[in-house]
Protein backbone atom coordinates (compact mmCIF):
# COMPACT_ATOMS: atom_id res chain seq x y z
CA GLY A 1 -77.47 57.94 23.00
CA TYR A 2 -76.60 56.46 19.66
CA ARG A 3 -78.35 54.18 17.27
CA VAL A 4 -76.09 51.35 16.15
CA SER A 5 -77.06 49.56 12.98
CA LEU A 6 -75.54 47.20 10.46
CA GLN A 7 -75.92 48.01 6.79
CA GLY A 8 -74.93 45.83 3.91
CA ASN A 9 -75.73 44.21 0.63
CA PHE A 10 -77.06 40.76 1.37
CA PHE A 11 -78.01 38.45 -1.49
CA GLY A 12 -78.13 41.38 -3.90
CA GLN A 13 -80.34 43.61 -1.75
CA ASN A 14 -79.46 46.46 0.60
CA HIS A 15 -80.56 45.81 4.19
CA THR A 16 -80.29 47.70 7.46
CA TYR A 17 -80.38 45.84 10.74
CA ILE A 18 -80.74 47.75 13.98
CA ILE A 19 -78.42 46.15 16.48
CA PHE A 20 -78.95 48.52 19.42
CA PRO A 21 -81.94 50.81 19.07
CA GLU A 22 -80.55 53.09 21.80
CA TYR A 23 -76.87 52.62 22.50
CA SER A 24 -75.42 54.63 25.38
CA PRO A 25 -71.59 54.53 25.52
CA CYS A 26 -71.51 55.40 29.24
CA LYS A 27 -73.26 52.08 29.94
CA HIS A 28 -70.69 50.02 28.01
CA ILE A 29 -67.31 51.04 29.41
CA LYS A 30 -64.28 48.80 29.67
CA PRO A 31 -61.75 50.64 31.83
CA ASP A 32 -58.02 50.34 31.43
CA PRO A 33 -56.42 48.06 34.02
CA PRO A 34 -54.92 49.64 37.13
CA SER A 35 -51.25 50.52 36.80
CA ASN A 36 -48.20 50.73 39.03
CA ILE A 37 -49.25 47.91 41.39
CA GLN A 38 -47.00 47.69 44.44
CA SER A 39 -46.86 45.74 47.69
CA ASN A 40 -45.36 46.09 51.15
CA ILE A 41 -45.23 43.66 54.09
CA THR A 42 -45.23 45.27 57.54
CA GLY A 43 -46.41 44.18 60.95
CA GLY A 44 -47.81 40.85 59.77
CA LYS A 45 -49.96 42.51 57.07
CA CYS A 46 -49.57 42.82 53.33
CA GLN A 47 -50.58 46.14 51.82
CA ILE A 48 -51.14 46.22 48.06
CA TRP A 49 -51.90 49.45 46.22
CA TRP A 50 -52.16 50.64 42.61
CA SER A 51 -52.90 53.69 40.48
CA VAL A 52 -55.98 54.67 38.46
CA PRO A 53 -56.84 58.03 36.91
CA TRP A 54 -57.91 60.42 39.70
CA TYR A 55 -61.24 61.21 38.03
CA LEU A 56 -62.25 57.51 38.11
CA SER A 57 -61.04 56.60 41.60
CA GLU A 58 -64.39 57.43 43.26
CA ILE A 59 -66.54 55.27 40.97
CA LEU A 60 -64.42 52.14 40.55
CA GLN A 61 -64.45 48.88 42.48
CA TYR A 62 -61.53 46.46 42.47
CA GLU A 63 -60.81 42.77 42.53
CA LEU A 64 -57.41 41.52 43.67
CA GLN A 65 -56.09 38.05 42.88
CA TYR A 66 -53.08 36.56 44.63
CA LYS A 67 -51.41 33.18 44.67
CA GLU A 68 -48.17 31.40 45.41
CA TYR A 69 -45.72 32.32 42.67
CA SER A 70 -45.28 28.76 41.40
CA MET A 71 -49.02 27.95 41.28
CA PRO A 72 -51.36 28.56 38.29
CA TRP A 73 -53.78 31.51 38.33
CA GLU A 74 -56.71 29.07 38.54
CA THR A 75 -55.73 28.43 42.18
CA ALA A 76 -55.56 32.14 43.07
CA LEU A 77 -57.55 33.66 45.91
CA ASN A 78 -59.74 36.71 45.26
CA LYS A 79 -60.36 39.78 47.40
CA THR A 80 -62.94 42.36 46.42
CA SER A 81 -62.52 45.86 47.74
CA SER A 82 -65.60 47.21 49.53
CA VAL A 83 -64.34 50.78 49.30
CA SER A 84 -63.32 52.73 46.23
CA GLN A 85 -59.76 53.23 47.49
CA PRO A 86 -57.07 51.78 45.21
CA GLN A 87 -55.60 49.55 47.91
CA ILE A 88 -56.25 46.34 49.83
CA GLU A 89 -54.77 45.07 53.07
CA ILE A 90 -54.46 41.32 53.67
CA GLU A 91 -53.75 39.75 57.06
CA GLY A 92 -50.43 37.92 57.28
CA ILE A 93 -52.09 34.71 58.49
CA GLU A 94 -53.29 34.15 54.91
CA PHE A 95 -49.70 33.64 53.77
CA ARG A 96 -47.13 30.96 54.43
CA SER A 97 -43.93 32.32 55.88
CA GLY A 98 -41.06 32.58 53.41
CA VAL A 99 -43.19 31.70 50.35
CA THR A 100 -43.12 34.05 47.35
CA TYR A 101 -46.51 35.36 46.21
CA ILE A 102 -47.71 37.22 43.14
CA ALA A 103 -50.74 39.52 42.88
CA ARG A 104 -52.70 41.38 40.22
CA VAL A 105 -55.78 43.62 40.21
CA ARG A 106 -58.59 44.65 37.88
CA CYS A 107 -61.35 47.22 38.09
CA LYS A 108 -64.83 48.09 36.89
CA VAL A 109 -67.37 50.80 37.54
CA SER A 110 -69.05 50.21 40.89
CA GLU A 111 -72.51 48.68 40.76
CA ALA A 112 -73.65 51.48 43.09
CA GLU A 113 -72.95 53.98 40.30
CA ASP A 114 -76.07 54.92 38.31
CA SER A 115 -74.57 57.07 35.55
CA TYR A 116 -72.07 54.51 34.22
CA SER A 117 -71.62 50.76 34.01
CA SER A 118 -68.83 48.58 32.75
CA GLN A 119 -67.31 45.18 32.48
CA TRP A 120 -64.11 44.18 34.28
CA SER A 121 -60.89 45.61 32.90
CA GLU A 122 -58.04 43.36 31.89
CA TRP A 123 -55.74 42.27 34.73
CA SER A 124 -52.96 44.66 35.72
CA HIS A 125 -49.28 43.88 35.68
CA THR A 126 -48.23 41.87 38.73
CA THR A 127 -46.37 42.55 41.95
CA VAL A 128 -44.28 39.95 43.74
CA PHE A 129 -43.81 39.77 47.51
CA GLN A 130 -42.60 37.40 50.21
CA GLY A 131 -45.01 36.00 52.80
CA PRO A 132 -44.48 37.74 56.17
CA GLY A 133 -42.79 35.96 59.06
CA VAL A 134 -45.91 34.58 60.73
CA PRO A 135 -45.11 32.85 64.04
CA GLU A 136 -45.36 29.12 63.47
CA LEU A 137 -43.30 26.05 64.31
CA SER A 138 -40.66 25.40 61.73
CA GLU A 139 -39.90 21.86 60.64
CA LYS A 140 -36.50 21.97 62.34
CA ILE A 141 -37.99 22.97 65.70
CA LEU A 142 -40.76 20.42 65.27
CA ASN A 143 -38.21 17.68 64.53
CA THR A 144 -36.06 18.68 67.53
CA ARG A 145 -39.07 18.72 69.85
CA THR A 146 -40.21 15.38 68.48
CA VAL A 147 -36.84 13.90 69.35
CA GLN A 148 -36.80 15.48 72.80
CA PHE A 149 -40.33 14.62 73.88
CA LEU A 150 -40.99 11.35 72.09
CA ILE A 151 -37.97 9.41 70.99
CA ILE A 152 -35.69 9.98 74.00
CA PRO A 153 -38.30 8.98 76.64
CA LEU A 154 -39.42 6.00 74.53
CA SER A 155 -35.82 4.87 74.08
CA PHE A 156 -35.11 5.28 77.80
CA GLY A 157 -38.32 3.39 78.67
CA THR A 158 -37.43 0.58 76.28
CA PHE A 159 -33.95 0.37 77.75
CA LEU A 160 -35.32 0.17 81.32
CA TYR A 161 -37.86 -2.47 80.28
CA LEU A 162 -35.16 -4.61 78.66
CA PHE A 163 -32.80 -4.10 81.59
CA TRP A 164 -35.42 -5.19 84.17
CA ASN A 165 -36.52 -8.11 82.00
CA CYS A 166 -32.95 -9.33 81.56
CA LYS A 167 -32.20 -8.91 85.28
CA LEU A 168 -35.38 -10.74 86.31
CA SER A 169 -34.92 -13.56 83.78
CA SER A 170 -31.30 -14.14 84.93
CA LYS A 171 -32.54 -14.82 88.48
């Protein structure tokens, strides 16, 4: 440990103030952000992975933030990794098909670690990816089905109603 103090001449007198009586650097770490963040969409899942120094990979925990590209970071969704692996997999149902997303990650020493502790690192650089093709009704199909199942029968029913009314009123 270290003893951190502040020394100075205050109002003409020398003073020493002890800031941390026992400062331990291993309890005040701020790790560098993860690097080389990448993403891949396969089989309806989005896999995001990144790099950290090999000697830290076992003691770090991660937080991933992702959002639609055009939205502010305040609207981003967070995922916390429960394992110390530098990767996270997100189910495709969390994304809208064809929408561009952006993600970033940060790390800190795991709270399960006794020897070290830290604050969150800065956010990493970002990775950009397209939402996977999740099966859902597109607007075009929905509009076509609306026409087929609603408008055509209603129009036909209205036509029959008017036809029978006109025929009956002419008699």
